[in-house]
Amino acid sequence: MFGRKKKRSGLNDLMAQLRPDLSRESLGVGPAFPGVAPNPLLSNDAGKRNAELRTGALALGVLVGWREVNSNPRVVLIFDVETAEGISFRGIADEDLTITELTRLAPGQTLPVRYRPAVMDHYVALARDADPARVQQLSDEIASRKRT
C-alpha cells in the first residue's frame, strides 16, 4: 500500500475510460494526439495551445462531425484539414459554441481553421477572425492544386 506506486494513466486513457467517444480511435487521430482535456480552463498545456492556435497558420477544414463534451455547449469538432502547403490531416477543435452556432453545424461544411505547423498534433481552432478575402484566396489555392 505505502511502498507501491500507483501506475498513473495518461490523459487520453482517462478520457477514453470516461468518454469512449473522445478516444484517439473514435476521433480518428493517431498517437501524436495528446487527447482532449477534461477541463481546458484548468490545464496549462491547453491554455498555451489555445494561445498558439489563435496566431496559427490558416487552413480549411471540412467538418466530419462533432461530440458534445458538456452543456455549455463545449464541443469537440472533427475536421479533415487541408493546408496551403498541400498537407492533409485529421484536425480536432475543442470549442465553446453558442446554441445558435451549434444548430448551424452540418457535416461537410468547410470552415477556416488555424493550426500550428511546427507541432502538427491534430489540434486546430476555428479561425473566427479570418479575413474572408484570405479564406477565399486559400480556397482557390487548394482548389487549383486539386485540379492539376
Protein backbone atom coordinates (compact mmCIF):
# COMPACT_ATOMS: atom_id res chain seq x y z
CA MET A 1 0.00 0.00 0.00
CA PHE A 2 2.60 2.60 1.05
CA GLY A 3 5.58 1.22 -0.83
CA ARG A 4 3.73 0.54 -4.06
CA LYS A 5 3.40 3.30 -6.63
CA LYS A 6 0.15 3.51 -8.50
CA LYS A 7 0.56 3.46 -12.22
CA ARG A 8 -0.95 6.70 -13.46
CA SER A 9 -2.84 6.53 -16.70
CA GLY A 10 -2.38 9.27 -19.23
CA LEU A 11 -4.91 11.93 -20.07
CA ASN A 12 -6.09 10.08 -23.15
CA ASP A 13 -6.55 6.88 -21.14
CA LEU A 14 -8.66 8.73 -18.59
CA MET A 15 -10.84 10.38 -21.23
CA ALA A 16 -11.14 7.08 -23.13
CA GLN A 17 -12.47 5.46 -19.97
CA LEU A 18 -14.84 8.31 -19.11
CA ARG A 19 -15.86 9.15 -22.66
CA PRO A 20 -15.05 6.41 -25.21
CA ASP A 21 -16.38 8.74 -27.94
CA LEU A 22 -13.42 11.09 -27.23
CA SER A 23 -10.68 8.45 -27.50
CA ARG A 24 -7.98 8.70 -30.18
CA GLU A 25 -9.50 5.80 -32.08
CA SER A 26 -13.02 7.24 -32.02
CA LEU A 27 -11.81 10.67 -33.19
CA GLY A 28 -9.71 9.14 -35.97
CA VAL A 29 -6.36 10.58 -34.92
CA GLY A 30 -3.03 8.92 -34.37
CA PRO A 31 -0.76 8.50 -31.36
CA ALA A 32 0.62 12.07 -31.68
CA PHE A 33 -2.72 13.45 -30.46
CA PRO A 34 -2.31 14.35 -26.78
CA GLY A 35 -6.01 13.96 -26.01
CA VAL A 36 -8.98 16.10 -25.06
CA ALA A 37 -8.52 17.90 -21.73
CA PRO A 38 -11.27 17.19 -19.20
CA ASN A 39 -11.27 20.89 -18.31
CA PRO A 40 -9.16 23.09 -20.62
CA LEU A 41 -9.54 26.07 -18.27
CA LEU A 42 -7.55 24.22 -15.61
CA SER A 43 -4.88 22.87 -17.96
CA ASN A 44 -1.71 24.91 -18.53
CA ASP A 45 -0.98 22.92 -21.68
CA ALA A 46 -4.45 23.62 -23.10
CA GLY A 47 -4.14 27.34 -22.31
CA LYS A 48 -0.75 27.55 -24.02
CA ARG A 49 -2.01 25.55 -27.00
CA ASN A 50 -5.09 27.76 -27.43
CA ALA A 51 -2.95 30.92 -27.32
CA GLU A 52 -0.65 29.49 -30.01
CA LEU A 53 -3.61 28.42 -32.15
CA ARG A 54 -5.06 31.96 -32.14
CA THR A 55 -1.99 33.06 -34.11
CA GLY A 56 -1.54 29.81 -36.05
CA ALA A 57 -1.47 29.28 -39.79
CA LEU A 58 -4.74 29.40 -41.70
CA ALA A 59 -6.16 26.25 -43.29
CA LEU A 60 -9.54 24.93 -44.40
CA GLY A 61 -11.35 22.22 -42.51
CA VAL A 62 -14.26 20.12 -43.76
CA LEU A 63 -16.44 19.26 -40.79
CA VAL A 64 -16.68 15.49 -40.35
CA GLY A 65 -18.66 15.54 -37.11
CA TRP A 66 -18.65 16.65 -33.50
CA ARG A 67 -19.08 15.39 -29.97
CA GLU A 68 -20.71 17.38 -27.19
CA VAL A 69 -18.46 17.43 -24.13
CA ASN A 70 -20.82 19.34 -21.83
CA SER A 71 -23.90 21.53 -21.97
CA ASN A 72 -22.07 24.89 -22.13
CA PRO A 73 -22.06 23.76 -25.03
CA ARG A 74 -18.44 22.69 -25.27
CA VAL A 75 -17.90 20.53 -28.33
CA VAL A 76 -15.06 18.70 -29.99
CA LEU A 77 -15.25 19.37 -33.73
CA ILE A 78 -13.65 16.83 -36.07
CA PHE A 79 -12.26 18.18 -39.35
CA ASP A 80 -10.46 16.89 -42.40
CA VAL A 81 -7.99 19.75 -42.77
CA GLU A 82 -6.10 20.89 -45.85
CA THR A 83 -3.32 23.47 -45.63
CA ALA A 84 -2.00 25.95 -48.17
CA GLU A 85 1.10 23.73 -48.47
CA GLY A 86 -1.00 20.74 -49.51
CA ILE A 87 -0.80 18.86 -46.21
CA SER A 88 -3.96 16.98 -45.21
CA PHE A 89 -4.69 15.71 -41.71
CA ARG A 90 -7.49 14.98 -39.25
CA GLY A 91 -7.95 18.03 -37.02
CA ILE A 92 -9.68 18.32 -33.67
CA ALA A 93 -11.01 21.64 -32.36
CA ASP A 94 -12.13 21.97 -28.73
CA GLU A 95 -14.56 24.89 -28.80
CA ASP A 96 -17.24 26.61 -26.75
CA LEU A 97 -20.11 27.39 -29.10
CA THR A 98 -23.36 29.23 -28.70
CA ILE A 99 -26.58 27.29 -29.16
CA THR A 100 -27.09 29.15 -32.45
CA GLU A 101 -23.63 28.13 -33.72
CA LEU A 102 -24.23 24.56 -32.64
CA THR A 103 -27.53 24.32 -34.52
CA ARG A 104 -25.83 25.58 -37.71
CA LEU A 105 -23.24 22.82 -37.76
CA ALA A 106 -23.57 20.33 -40.60
CA PRO A 107 -21.16 17.63 -41.76
CA GLY A 108 -19.47 18.67 -44.99
CA GLN A 109 -19.25 22.37 -44.11
CA THR A 110 -15.94 23.99 -44.93
CA LEU A 111 -14.72 26.32 -42.22
CA PRO A 112 -11.49 28.29 -41.76
CA VAL A 113 -9.28 26.87 -39.00
CA ARG A 114 -5.87 27.64 -37.55
CA TYR A 115 -3.20 25.07 -36.79
CA ARG A 116 0.40 25.01 -35.54
CA PRO A 117 2.68 23.89 -38.40
CA ALA A 118 5.65 23.36 -36.09
CA VAL A 119 3.71 20.99 -33.82
CA MET A 120 1.21 19.14 -36.07
CA ASP A 121 -0.52 17.42 -33.13
CA HIS A 122 -4.00 17.33 -34.73
CA TYR A 123 -5.22 20.35 -32.74
CA VAL A 124 -6.90 23.15 -34.67
CA ALA A 125 -9.11 26.09 -33.69
CA LEU A 126 -11.89 27.83 -35.54
CA ALA A 127 -10.48 30.90 -37.27
CA ARG A 128 -13.34 33.22 -36.39
CA ASP A 129 -11.14 36.26 -37.02
CA ALA A 130 -10.04 35.19 -40.51
CA ASP A 131 -10.33 37.73 -43.28
CA PRO A 132 -12.96 36.46 -45.77
CA ALA A 133 -10.77 37.54 -48.70
CA ARG A 134 -7.84 35.50 -47.34
CA VAL A 135 -10.13 32.48 -46.78
CA GLN A 136 -11.36 32.73 -50.39
CA GLN A 137 -7.77 33.02 -51.64
CA LEU A 138 -6.80 29.91 -49.66
CA SER A 139 -9.84 28.05 -51.00
CA ASP A 140 -8.87 28.98 -54.57
CA GLU A 141 -5.26 27.81 -53.98
CA ILE A 142 -6.43 24.45 -52.67
CA ALA A 143 -8.98 24.01 -55.50
CA SER A 144 -6.40 24.85 -58.18
CA ARG A 145 -3.96 22.33 -56.72
CA LYS A 146 -6.66 19.63 -56.85
CA ARG A 147 -7.41 20.39 -60.50
CA THR A 148 -3.81 19.93 -61.63
